[in-house]
PDB file of N, CA and C in Angstrom:
ATOM      1  N   MET A   1      75.803 101.605 144.442  1.00  0.00           N
ATOM      2  CA  MET A   1      76.333 101.903 143.130  1.00  0.00           C
ATOM      3  C   MET A   1      77.861 101.908 143.206  1.00  0.00           C
ATOM      4  N   SER A   2      78.528 101.463 142.147  1.00  0.00           N
ATOM      5  CA  SER A   2      79.987 101.381 142.144  1.00  0.00           C
ATOM      6  C   SER A   2      80.598 102.766 141.996  1.00  0.00           C
ATOM      7  N   ASN A   3      81.865 102.864 142.361  1.00  0.00           N
ATOM      8  CA  ASN A   3      82.573 104.136 142.355  1.00  0.00           C
ATOM      9  C   ASN A   3      83.573 104.162 141.213  1.00  0.00           C
ATOM     10  N   LEU A   4      83.117 104.166 139.957  1.00  0.00           N
ATOM     11  CA  LEU A   4      83.990 104.176 138.795  1.00  0.00           C
ATOM     12  C   LEU A   4      84.336 105.606 138.406  1.00  0.00           C
ATOM     13  N   PRO A   5      85.562 105.822 137.895  1.00  0.00           N
ATOM     14  CA  PRO A   5      85.953 107.180 137.503  1.00  0.00           C
ATOM     15  C   PRO A   5      85.244 107.620 136.219  1.00  0.00           C
ATOM     16  N   ASN A   6      85.120 108.929 136.044  1.00  0.00           N
ATOM     17  CA  ASN A   6      84.573 109.479 134.800  1.00  0.00           C
ATOM     18  C   ASN A   6      85.592 109.304 133.685  1.00  0.00           C
ATOM     19  N   CYS A   7      85.123 109.334 132.453  1.00  0.00           N
ATOM     20  CA  CYS A   7      86.003 109.199 131.293  1.00  0.00           C
ATOM     21  C   CYS A   7      86.954 110.397 131.214  1.00  0.00           C
ATOM     22  N   PRO A   8      88.270 110.152 131.072  1.00  0.00           N
ATOM     23  CA  PRO A   8      89.213 111.265 130.990  1.00  0.00           C
ATOM     24  C   PRO A   8      89.120 112.047 129.677  1.00  0.00           C
ATOM     25  N   LYS A   9      88.534 111.478 128.636  1.00  0.00           N
ATOM     26  CA  LYS A   9      88.411 112.172 127.349  1.00  0.00           C
ATOM     27  C   LYS A   9      87.167 113.056 127.286  1.00  0.00           C
ATOM     28  N   CYS A  10      85.998 112.471 127.578  1.00  0.00           N
ATOM     29  CA  CYS A  10      84.748 113.220 127.412  1.00  0.00           C
ATOM     30  C   CYS A  10      84.035 113.501 128.732  1.00  0.00           C
ATOM     31  N   ASN A  11      84.599 113.047 129.832  1.00  0.00           N
ATOM     32  CA  ASN A  11      84.074 113.262 131.188  1.00  0.00           C
ATOM     33  C   ASN A  11      82.696 112.622 131.402  1.00  0.00           C
ATOM     34  N   SER A  12      82.408 111.563 130.670  1.00  0.00           N
ATOM     35  CA  SER A  12      81.145 110.854 130.821  1.00  0.00           C
ATOM     36  C   SER A  12      81.136 110.081 132.135  1.00  0.00           C
ATOM     37  N   GLU A  13      79.995 110.036 132.777  1.00  0.00           N
ATOM     38  CA  GLU A  13      79.874 109.308 134.035  1.00  0.00           C
ATOM     39  C   GLU A  13      79.409 107.868 133.838  1.00  0.00           C
ATOM     40  N   TYR A  14      79.151 107.478 132.598  1.00  0.00           N
ATOM     41  CA  TYR A  14      78.616 106.157 132.300  1.00  0.00           C
ATOM     42  C   TYR A  14      79.695 105.140 131.949  1.00  0.00           C
ATOM     43  N   THR A  15      80.830 105.189 132.607  1.00  0.00           N
ATOM     44  CA  THR A  15      81.913 104.247 132.334  1.00  0.00           C
ATOM     45  C   THR A  15      81.609 102.902 132.970  1.00  0.00           C
ATOM     46  N   TYR A  16      82.227 101.874 132.423  1.00  0.00           N
ATOM     47  CA  TYR A  16      82.086 100.545 133.006  1.00  0.00           C
ATOM     48  C   TYR A  16      83.423  99.828 132.965  1.00  0.00           C
ATOM     49  N   GLU A  17      83.512  98.770 133.757  1.00  0.00           N
ATOM     50  CA  GLU A  17      84.754  98.016 133.870  1.00  0.00           C
ATOM     51  C   GLU A  17      84.668  96.773 132.997  1.00  0.00           C
ATOM     52  N   ASP A  18      85.722  96.540 132.206  1.00  0.00           N
ATOM     53  CA  ASP A  18      85.787  95.375 131.331  1.00  0.00           C
ATOM     54  C   ASP A  18      87.114  94.685 131.596  1.00  0.00           C
ATOM     55  N   GLY A  19      87.120  93.722 132.489  1.00  0.00           N
ATOM     56  CA  GLY A  19      88.368  93.067 132.886  1.00  0.00           C
ATOM     57  C   GLY A  19      89.231  94.049 133.665  1.00  0.00           C
ATOM     58  N   SER A  20      90.424  94.359 133.148  1.00  0.00           N
ATOM     59  CA  SER A  20      91.307  95.307 133.820  1.00  0.00           C
ATOM     60  C   SER A  20      91.208  96.717 133.227  1.00  0.00           C
ATOM     61  N   LEU A  21      90.282  96.913 132.283  1.00  0.00           N
ATOM     62  CA  LEU A  21      90.131  98.213 131.625  1.00  0.00           C
ATOM     63  C   LEU A  21      88.848  98.905 132.059  1.00  0.00           C
ATOM     64  N   PHE A  22      88.888 100.242 132.023  1.00  0.00           N
ATOM     65  CA  PHE A  22      87.683 101.040 132.132  1.00  0.00           C
ATOM     66  C   PHE A  22      87.316 101.457 130.711  1.00  0.00           C
ATOM     67  N   VAL A  23      86.014 101.433 130.386  1.00  0.00           N
ATOM     68  CA  VAL A  23      85.554 101.738 129.030  1.00  0.00           C
ATOM     69  C   VAL A  23      84.462 102.794 129.100  1.00  0.00           C
ATOM     70  N   CYS A  24      84.528 103.759 128.171  1.00  0.00           N
ATOM     71  CA  CYS A  24      83.492 104.779 128.054  1.00  0.00           C
ATOM     72  C   CYS A  24      82.591 104.408 126.875  1.00  0.00           C
ATOM     73  N   PRO A  25      81.299 104.171 127.101  1.00  0.00           N
ATOM     74  CA  PRO A  25      80.417 103.800 126.000  1.00  0.00           C
ATOM     75  C   PRO A  25      80.081 104.966 125.074  1.00  0.00           C
ATOM     76  N   GLU A  26      80.284 106.196 125.514  1.00  0.00           N
ATOM     77  CA  GLU A  26      79.934 107.354 124.688  1.00  0.00           C
ATOM     78  C   GLU A  26      80.995 107.668 123.647  1.00  0.00           C
ATOM     79  N   CYS A  27      82.289 107.663 124.054  1.00  0.00           N
ATOM     80  CA  CYS A  27      83.345 108.009 123.084  1.00  0.00           C
ATOM     81  C   CYS A  27      84.212 106.802 122.718  1.00  0.00           C
ATOM     82  N   GLY A  28      84.064 105.677 123.423  1.00  0.00           N
ATOM     83  CA  GLY A  28      84.810 104.467 123.098  1.00  0.00           C
ATOM     84  C   GLY A  28      86.222 104.427 123.662  1.00  0.00           C
ATOM     85  N   TYR A  29      86.582 105.381 124.513  1.00  0.00           N
ATOM     86  CA  TYR A  29      87.936 105.443 125.068  1.00  0.00           C
ATOM     87  C   TYR A  29      88.112 104.350 126.122  1.00  0.00           C
ATOM     88  N   GLU A  30      89.303 103.707 126.123  1.00  0.00           N
ATOM     89  CA  GLU A  30      89.629 102.674 127.108  1.00  0.00           C
ATOM     90  C   GLU A  30      90.885 103.076 127.849  1.00  0.00           C
ATOM     91  N   TRP A  31      90.940 102.828 129.150  1.00  0.00           N
ATOM     92  CA  TRP A  31      92.120 103.147 129.950  1.00  0.00           C
ATOM     93  C   TRP A  31      92.194 102.223 131.141  1.00  0.00           C
ATOM     94  N   THR A  32      93.388 102.158 131.766  1.00  0.00           N
ATOM     95  CA  THR A  32      93.574 101.268 132.905  1.00  0.00           C
ATOM     96  C   THR A  32      93.517 102.030 134.213  1.00  0.00           C
ATOM     97  N   THR A  33      94.374 103.040 134.382  1.00  0.00           N
ATOM     98  CA  THR A  33      94.340 103.855 135.596  1.00  0.00           C
ATOM     99  C   THR A  33      94.486 105.310 135.212  1.00  0.00           C
ATOM    100  N   GLU A  34      94.154 106.190 136.117  1.00  0.00           N
ATOM    101  CA  GLU A  34      94.254 107.617 135.824  1.00  0.00           C
ATOM    102  C   GLU A  34      95.708 108.062 135.716  1.00  0.00           C
ATOM    103  N   LEU A  35      96.625 107.406 136.412  1.00  0.00           N
ATOM    104  CA  LEU A  35      98.034 107.783 136.338  1.00  0.00           C
ATOM    105  C   LEU A  35      98.596 107.527 134.946  1.00  0.00           C
ATOM    106  N   GLU A  36      98.284 106.387 134.353  1.00  0.00           N
ATOM    107  CA  GLU A  36      98.768 106.084 133.009  1.00  0.00           C
ATOM    108  C   GLU A  36      98.150 107.025 131.979  1.00  0.00           C
ATOM    109  N   THR A  37      96.901 107.430 132.184  1.00  0.00           N
ATOM    110  CA  THR A  37      96.240 108.331 131.265  1.00  0.00           C
ATOM    111  C   THR A  37      96.912 109.693 131.258  1.00  0.00           C
ATOM    112  N   GLU A  38      97.284 110.196 132.432  1.00  0.00           N
ATOM    113  CA  GLU A  38      97.931 111.503 132.502  1.00  0.00           C
ATOM    114  C   GLU A  38      99.272 111.496 131.783  1.00  0.00           C
ATOM    115  N   THR A  39     100.073 110.439 131.941  1.00  0.00           N
ATOM    116  CA  THR A  39     101.371 110.407 131.274  1.00  0.00           C
ATOM    117  C   THR A  39     101.217 110.226 129.776  1.00  0.00           C
ATOM    118  N   SER A  40     100.228 109.462 129.334  1.00  0.00           N
ATOM    119  CA  SER A  40     100.068 109.258 127.898  1.00  0.00           C
ATOM    120  C   SER A  40      99.552 110.512 127.206  1.00  0.00           C
ATOM    121  N   GLU A  41      98.784 111.341 127.903  1.00  0.00           N
ATOM    122  CA  GLU A  41      98.318 112.586 127.308  1.00  0.00           C
ATOM    123  C   GLU A  41      99.443 113.600 127.216  1.00  0.00           C
ATOM    124  N   ASN A  42     100.371 113.596 128.173  1.00  0.00           N
ATOM    125  CA  ASN A  42     101.477 114.546 128.168  1.00  0.00           C
ATOM    126  C   ASN A  42     102.537 114.155 127.149  1.00  0.00           C
ATOM    127  N   GLU A  43     102.782 112.866 126.973  1.00  0.00           N
ATOM    128  CA  GLU A  43     103.794 112.387 126.045  1.00  0.00           C
ATOM    129  C   GLU A  43     103.120 111.877 124.773  1.00  0.00           C
ATOM    130  N   LYS A  44     103.474 112.482 123.655  1.00  0.00           N
ATOM    131  CA  LYS A  44     102.928 112.013 122.387  1.00  0.00           C
ATOM    132  C   LYS A  44     103.818 110.881 121.889  1.00  0.00           C
ATOM    133  N   VAL A  45     103.225 109.740 121.616  1.00  0.00           N
ATOM    134  CA  VAL A  45     103.972 108.592 121.129  1.00  0.00           C
ATOM    135  C   VAL A  45     103.971 108.639 119.610  1.00  0.00           C
ATOM    136  N   ILE A  46     105.174 108.643 119.027  1.00  0.00           N
ATOM    137  CA  ILE A  46     105.313 108.688 117.573  1.00  0.00           C
ATOM    138  C   ILE A  46     105.726 107.308 117.095  1.00  0.00           C
ATOM    139  N   LYS A  47     104.971 106.772 116.130  1.00  0.00           N
ATOM    140  CA  LYS A  47     105.227 105.426 115.618  1.00  0.00           C
ATOM    141  C   LYS A  47     105.566 105.485 114.142  1.00  0.00           C
ATOM    142  N   ASP A  48     106.340 104.488 113.683  1.00  0.00           N
ATOM    143  CA  ASP A  48     106.690 104.418 112.265  1.00  0.00           C
ATOM    144  C   ASP A  48     105.563 103.747 111.479  1.00  0.00           C
ATOM    145  N   SER A  49     105.802 103.449 110.218  1.00  0.00           N
ATOM    146  CA  SER A  49     104.766 102.876 109.364  1.00  0.00           C
ATOM    147  C   SER A  49     104.321 101.488 109.810  1.00  0.00           C
ATOM    148  N   ASN A  50     105.171 100.766 110.533  1.00  0.00           N
ATOM    149  CA  ASN A  50     104.828  99.429 111.013  1.00  0.00           C
ATOM    150  C   ASN A  50     104.300  99.423 112.439  1.00  0.00           C
ATOM    151  N   GLY A  51     104.227 100.588 113.080  1.00  0.00           N
ATOM    152  CA  GLY A  51     103.711 100.675 114.437  1.00  0.00           C
ATOM    153  C   GLY A  51     104.774 100.595 115.510  1.00  0.00           C
ATOM    154  N   ALA A  52     106.053 100.564 115.154  1.00  0.00           N
ATOM    155  CA  ALA A  52     107.127 100.551 116.144  1.00  0.00           C
ATOM    156  C   ALA A  52     107.302 101.960 116.703  1.00  0.00           C
ATOM    157  N   VAL A  53     107.485 102.064 118.012  1.00  0.00           N
ATOM    158  CA  VAL A  53     107.641 103.358 118.667  1.00  0.00           C
ATOM    159  C   VAL A  53     109.023 103.926 118.348  1.00  0.00           C
ATOM    160  N   LEU A  54     109.044 105.181 117.916  1.00  0.00           N
ATOM    161  CA  LEU A  54     110.298 105.859 117.589  1.00  0.00           C
ATOM    162  C   LEU A  54     110.770 106.695 118.768  1.00  0.00           C
ATOM    163  N   THR A  55     112.086 106.788 118.938  1.00  0.00           N
ATOM    164  CA  THR A  55     112.678 107.628 119.970  1.00  0.00           C
ATOM    165  C   THR A  55     113.806 108.445 119.356  1.00  0.00           C
ATOM    166  N   ASP A  56     114.239 109.473 120.066  1.00  0.00           N
ATOM    167  CA  ASP A  56     115.358 110.288 119.594  1.00  0.00           C
ATOM    168  C   ASP A  56     116.600 109.422 119.435  1.00  0.00           C
ATOM    169  N   GLY A  57     117.326 109.620 118.338  1.00  0.00           N
ATOM    170  CA  GLY A  57     118.561 108.896 118.090  1.00  0.00           C
ATOM    171  C   GLY A  57     118.395 107.610 117.308  1.00  0.00           C
ATOM    172  N   ASP A  58     117.166 107.228 116.980  1.00  0.00           N
ATOM    173  CA  ASP A  58     116.932 106.006 116.206  1.00  0.00           C
ATOM    174  C   ASP A  58     117.444 106.157 114.775  1.00  0.00           C
ATOM    175  N   THR A  59     117.639 105.019 114.118  1.00  0.00           N
ATOM    176  CA  THR A  59     117.968 104.979 112.697  1.00  0.00           C
ATOM    177  C   THR A  59     116.774 104.396 111.965  1.00  0.00           C
ATOM    178  N   VAL A  60     116.360 105.066 110.895  1.00  0.00           N
ATOM    179  CA  VAL A  60     115.191 104.639 110.126  1.00  0.00           C
ATOM    180  C   VAL A  60     115.546 104.599 108.644  1.00  0.00           C
ATOM    181  N   THR A  61     114.696 103.910 107.864  1.00  0.00           N
ATOM    182  CA  THR A  61     114.832 103.923 106.409  1.00  0.00           C
ATOM    183  C   THR A  61     113.545 104.462 105.798  1.00  0.00           C
ATOM    184  N   VAL A  62     113.661 105.101 104.656  1.00  0.00           N
ATOM    185  CA  VAL A  62     112.522 105.662 103.939  1.00  0.00           C
ATOM    186  C   VAL A  62     111.836 104.524 103.185  1.00  0.00           C
ATOM    187  N   ILE A  63     110.489 104.446 103.250  1.00  0.00           N
ATOM    188  CA  ILE A  63     109.768 103.318 102.648  1.00  0.00           C
ATOM    189  C   ILE A  63     109.164 103.638 101.288  1.00  0.00           C
ATOM    190  N   LYS A  64     109.256 104.893 100.842  1.00  0.00           N
ATOM    191  CA  LYS A  64     108.778 105.238  99.501  1.00  0.00           C
ATOM    192  C   LYS A  64     109.559 106.445  99.001  1.00  0.00           C
ATOM    193  N   ASP A  65     109.611 106.614  97.696  1.00  0.00           N
ATOM    194  CA  ASP A  65     110.302 107.769  97.117  1.00  0.00           C
ATOM    195  C   ASP A  65     109.586 109.042  97.550  1.00  0.00           C
ATOM    196  N   LEU A  66     110.364 110.001  98.069  1.00  0.00           N
ATOM    197  CA  LEU A  66     109.794 111.257  98.545  1.00  0.00           C
ATOM    198  C   LEU A  66     110.324 112.420  97.718  1.00  0.00           C
ATOM    199  N   LYS A  67     109.435 113.194  97.145  1.00  0.00           N
ATOM    200  CA  LYS A  67     109.841 114.379  96.403  1.00  0.00           C
ATOM    201  C   LYS A  67     110.248 115.457  97.396  1.00  0.00           C
ATOM    202  N   VAL A  68     111.329 116.164  97.069  1.00  0.00           N
ATOM    203  CA  VAL A  68     111.793 117.248  97.921  1.00  0.00           C
ATOM    204  C   VAL A  68     111.176 118.536  97.409  1.00  0.00           C
ATOM    205  N   LYS A  69     110.415 119.200  98.268  1.00  0.00           N
ATOM    206  CA  LYS A  69     109.714 120.411  97.861  1.00  0.00           C
ATOM    207  C   LYS A  69     110.714 121.505  97.500  1.00  0.00           C
ATOM    208  N   GLY A  70     110.487 122.186  96.393  1.00  0.00           N
ATOM    209  CA  GLY A  70     111.361 123.262  95.959  1.00  0.00           C
ATOM    210  C   GLY A  70     112.595 122.781  95.226  1.00  0.00           C
ATOM    211  N   SER A  71     112.640 121.495  94.918  1.00  0.00           N
ATOM    212  CA  SER A  71     113.786 120.920  94.223  1.00  0.00           C
ATOM    213  C   SER A  71     113.297 119.837  93.273  1.00  0.00           C
ATOM    214  N   SER A  72     114.134 119.481  92.319  1.00  0.00           N
ATOM    215  CA  SER A  72     113.745 118.412  91.402  1.00  0.00           C
ATOM    216  C   SER A  72     114.273 117.059  91.865  1.00  0.00           C
ATOM    217  N   SER A  73     114.964 117.022  93.005  1.00  0.00           N
ATOM    218  CA  SER A  73     115.540 115.773  93.491  1.00  0.00           C
ATOM    219  C   SER A  73     114.525 114.951  94.294  1.00  0.00           C
ATOM    220  N   VAL A  74     114.845 113.682  94.457  1.00  0.00           N
ATOM    221  CA  VAL A  74     113.971 112.733  95.142  1.00  0.00           C
ATOM    222  C   VAL A  74     114.793 111.955  96.165  1.00  0.00           C
ATOM    223  N   ILE A  75     114.217 111.736  97.349  1.00  0.00           N
ATOM    224  CA  ILE A  75     114.838 110.845  98.338  1.00  0.00           C
ATOM    225  C   ILE A  75     114.342 109.451  98.010  1.00  0.00           C
ATOM    226  N   LYS A  76     115.260 108.564  97.642  1.00  0.00           N
ATOM    227  CA  LYS A  76     114.913 107.227  97.158  1.00  0.00           C
ATOM    228  C   LYS A  76     114.472 106.306  98.295  1.00  0.00           C
ATOM    229  N   ILE A  77     113.665 105.318  97.930  1.00  0.00           N
ATOM    230  CA  ILE A  77     113.248 104.283  98.864  1.00  0.00           C
ATOM    231  C   ILE A  77     114.492 103.551  99.379  1.00  0.00           C
ATOM    232  N   GLY A  78     114.513 103.247 100.663  1.00  0.00           N
ATOM    233  CA  GLY A  78     115.642 102.542 101.263  1.00  0.00           C
ATOM    234  C   GLY A  78     116.732 103.447 101.790  1.00  0.00           C
ATOM    235  N   THR A  79     116.596 104.764 101.638  1.00  0.00           N
ATOM    236  CA  THR A  79     117.597 105.698 102.159  1.00  0.00           C
ATOM    237  C   THR A  79     117.634 105.600 103.673  1.00  0.00           C
ATOM    238  N   LYS A  80     118.815 105.412 104.223  1.00  0.00           N
ATOM    239  CA  LYS A  80     118.984 105.275 105.667  1.00  0.00           C
ATOM    240  C   LYS A  80     119.170 106.655 106.285  1.00  0.00           C
ATOM    241  N   VAL A  81     118.418 106.929 107.339  1.00  0.00           N
ATOM    242  CA  VAL A  81     118.499 108.197 108.055  1.00  0.00           C
ATOM    243  C   VAL A  81     118.904 107.889 109.488  1.00  0.00           C
ATOM    244  N   LYS A  82     120.076 108.388 109.888  1.00  0.00           N
ATOM    245  CA  LYS A  82     120.608 108.099 111.225  1.00  0.00           C
ATOM    246  C   LYS A  82     120.320 109.256 112.170  1.00  0.00           C
ATOM    247  N   ASN A  83     120.232 108.925 113.444  1.00  0.00           N
ATOM    248  CA  ASN A  83     120.156 109.902 114.531  1.00  0.00           C
ATOM    249  C   ASN A  83     119.006 110.899 114.337  1.00  0.00           C
ATOM    250  N   ILE A  84     117.776 110.391 114.291  1.00  0.00           N
ATOM    251  CA  ILE A  84     116.611 111.255 114.113  1.00  0.00           C
ATOM    252  C   ILE A  84     116.290 111.977 115.417  1.00  0.00           C
ATOM    253  N   ARG A  85     115.576 113.086 115.292  1.00  0.00           N
ATOM    254  CA  ARG A  85     115.098 113.834 116.458  1.00  0.00           C
ATOM    255  C   ARG A  85     113.603 114.043 116.277  1.00  0.00           C
ATOM    256  N   LEU A  86     112.817 113.716 117.310  1.00  0.00           N
ATOM    257  CA  LEU A  86     111.366 113.830 117.239  1.00  0.00           C
ATOM    258  C   LEU A  86     110.932 115.231 117.649  1.00  0.00           C
ATOM    259  N   VAL A  87     110.017 115.816 116.874  1.00  0.00           N
ATOM    260  CA  VAL A  87     109.516 117.163 117.140  1.00  0.00           C
ATOM    261  C   VAL A  87     107.999 117.161 117.012  1.00  0.00           C
ATOM    262  N   ASP A  88     107.355 118.215 117.512  1.00  0.00           N
ATOM    263  CA  ASP A  88     105.909 118.365 117.373  1.00  0.00           C
ATOM    264  C   ASP A  88     105.586 118.933 116.009  1.00  0.00           C
ATOM    265  N   GLY A  89     104.430 118.596 115.511  1.00  0.00           N
ATOM    266  CA  GLY A  89     103.986 119.143 114.232  1.00  0.00           C
ATOM    267  C   GLY A  89     103.597 118.049 113.259  1.00  0.00           C
ATOM    268  N   ASP A  90     103.238 118.479 112.064  1.00  0.00           N
ATOM    269  CA  ASP A  90     102.807 117.557 111.009  1.00  0.00           C
ATOM    270  C   ASP A  90     103.970 116.667 110.566  1.00  0.00           C
ATOM    271  N   HIS A  91     105.115 117.261 110.324  1.00  0.00           N
ATOM    272  CA  HIS A  91     106.331 116.516 110.000  1.00  0.00           C
ATOM    273  C   HIS A  91     107.067 116.315 111.325  1.00  0.00           C
ATOM    274  N   ASP A  92     106.943 115.121 111.912  1.00  0.00           N
ATOM    275  CA  ASP A  92     107.376 114.921 113.285  1.00  0.00           C
ATOM    276  C   ASP A  92     108.788 114.361 113.454  1.00  0.00           C
ATOM    277  N   ILE A  93     109.551 114.242 112.381  1.00  0.00           N
ATOM    278  CA  ILE A  93     110.941 113.782 112.471  1.00  0.00           C
ATOM    279  C   ILE A  93     111.844 114.862 111.883  1.00  0.00           C
ATOM    280  N   ASP A  94     112.813 115.292 112.659  1.00  0.00           N
ATOM    281  CA  ASP A  94     113.810 116.253 112.210  1.00  0.00           C
ATOM    282  C   ASP A  94     115.110 115.471 112.034  1.00  0.00           C
ATOM    283  N   CYS A  95     115.748 115.581 110.869  1.00  0.00           N
ATOM    284  CA  CYS A  95     116.923 114.760 110.608  1.00  0.00           C
ATOM    285  C   CYS A  95     117.852 115.447 109.612  1.00  0.00           C
ATOM    286  N   LYS A  96     118.977 114.807 109.377  1.00  0.00           N
ATOM    287  CA  LYS A  96     119.930 115.265 108.377  1.00  0.00           C
ATOM    288  C   LYS A  96     120.199 114.084 107.456  1.00  0.00           C
ATOM    289  N   ILE A  97     119.930 114.275 106.163  1.00  0.00           N
ATOM    290  CA  ILE A  97     120.103 113.209 105.184  1.00  0.00           C
ATOM    291  C   ILE A  97     121.325 113.532 104.337  1.00  0.00           C
ATOM    292  N   ASP A  98     122.229 112.557 104.201  1.00  0.00           N
ATOM    293  CA  ASP A  98     123.435 112.750 103.397  1.00  0.00           C
ATOM    294  C   ASP A  98     123.060 113.111 101.963  1.00  0.00           C
ATOM    295  N   GLY A  99     123.652 114.172 101.449  1.00  0.00           N
ATOM    296  CA  GLY A  99     123.389 114.615 100.093  1.00  0.00           C
ATOM    297  C   GLY A  99     122.221 115.578  99.970  1.00  0.00           C
ATOM    298  N   PHE A 100     121.382 115.706 101.022  1.00  0.00           N
ATOM    299  CA  PHE A 100     120.235 116.601 100.992  1.00  0.00           C
ATOM    300  C   PHE A 100     120.295 117.662 102.083  1.00  0.00           C
ATOM    301  N   GLY A 101     120.895 117.339 103.234  1.00  0.00           N
ATOM    302  CA  GLY A 101     120.982 118.280 104.344  1.00  0.00           C
ATOM    303  C   GLY A 101     119.856 118.103 105.345  1.00  0.00           C
ATOM    304  N   ALA A 102     119.591 119.164 106.104  1.00  0.00           N
ATOM    305  CA  ALA A 102     118.569 119.121 107.149  1.00  0.00           C
ATOM    306  C   ALA A 102     117.189 119.013 106.515  1.00  0.00           C
ATOM    307  N   MET A 103     116.341 118.190 107.140  1.00  0.00           N
ATOM    308  CA  MET A 103     115.053 117.902 106.546  1.00  0.00           C
ATOM    309  C   MET A 103     114.061 117.479 107.628  1.00  0.00           C
ATOM    310  N   LYS A 104     112.785 117.644 107.348  1.00  0.00           N
ATOM    311  CA  LYS A 104     111.721 117.140 108.226  1.00  0.00           C
ATOM    312  C   LYS A 104     110.955 116.073 107.464  1.00  0.00           C
ATOM    313  N   LEU A 105     110.657 114.965 108.148  1.00  0.00           N
ATOM    314  CA  LEU A 105     109.934 113.846 107.538  1.00  0.00           C
ATOM    315  C   LEU A 105     108.695 113.520 108.359  1.00  0.00           C
ATOM    316  N   LYS A 106     107.741 112.878 107.724  1.00  0.00           N
ATOM    317  CA  LYS A 106     106.582 112.345 108.425  1.00  0.00           C
ATOM    318  C   LYS A 106     106.906 110.910 108.846  1.00  0.00           C
ATOM    319  N   SER A 107     106.495 110.545 110.037  1.00  0.00           N
ATOM    320  CA  SER A 107     106.803 109.211 110.558  1.00  0.00           C
ATOM    321  C   SER A 107     106.110 108.104 109.771  1.00  0.00           C
ATOM    322  N   GLU A 108     105.051 108.412 109.056  1.00  0.00           N
ATOM    323  CA  GLU A 108     104.335 107.385 108.285  1.00  0.00           C
ATOM    324  C   GLU A 108     105.112 106.918 107.067  1.00  0.00           C
ATOM    325  N   PHE A 109     106.192 107.622 106.697  1.00  0.00           N
ATOM    326  CA  PHE A 109     106.982 107.260 105.527  1.00  0.00           C
ATOM    327  C   PHE A 109     108.331 106.663 105.881  1.00  0.00           C
ATOM    328  N   VAL A 110     108.539 106.264 107.146  1.00  0.00           N
ATOM    329  CA  VAL A 110     109.800 105.661 107.546  1.00  0.00           C
ATOM    330  C   VAL A 110     109.547 104.359 108.276  1.00  0.00           C
ATOM    331  N   LYS A 111     110.592 103.534 108.331  1.00  0.00           N
ATOM    332  CA  LYS A 111     110.548 102.247 109.026  1.00  0.00           C
ATOM    333  C   LYS A 111     111.763 102.176 109.936  1.00  0.00           C
ATOM    334  N   LYS A 112     111.552 101.823 111.197  1.00  0.00           N
ATOM    335  CA  LYS A 112     112.651 101.705 112.147  1.00  0.00           C
ATOM    336  C   LYS A 112     113.508 100.488 111.827  1.00  0.00           C
ATOM    337  N   ILE A 113     114.826 100.655 111.946  1.00  0.00           N
ATOM    338  CA  ILE A 113     115.743  99.548 111.692  1.00  0.00           C
ATOM    339  C   ILE A 113     115.994  98.794 112.981  1.00  0.00           C
TER     340      ILE A 113
END
């Protein structure tokens, strides 16, 4: 019998090899090596609306009009936001927008420039 690793997500022993990937038939998780799995679980990858990976210090634009909670103002589509900072939570971008001040945004409403 082959010596395949258990699934890192659900710990299933019924994994199989598909080319260069290991696949778990129970939960559908795919991975290459255990080292890459450990780093990907520790680091949360935040992506914009188009799937581009965001990093601290990036410049993004807003892709839809966003209402500002507690105010009657709106952040217009196309507003450029410079020097973003990524944080944990539902609103995963911490930034400062000219004319509005410090704000938290969701990554699904921005596009990387």
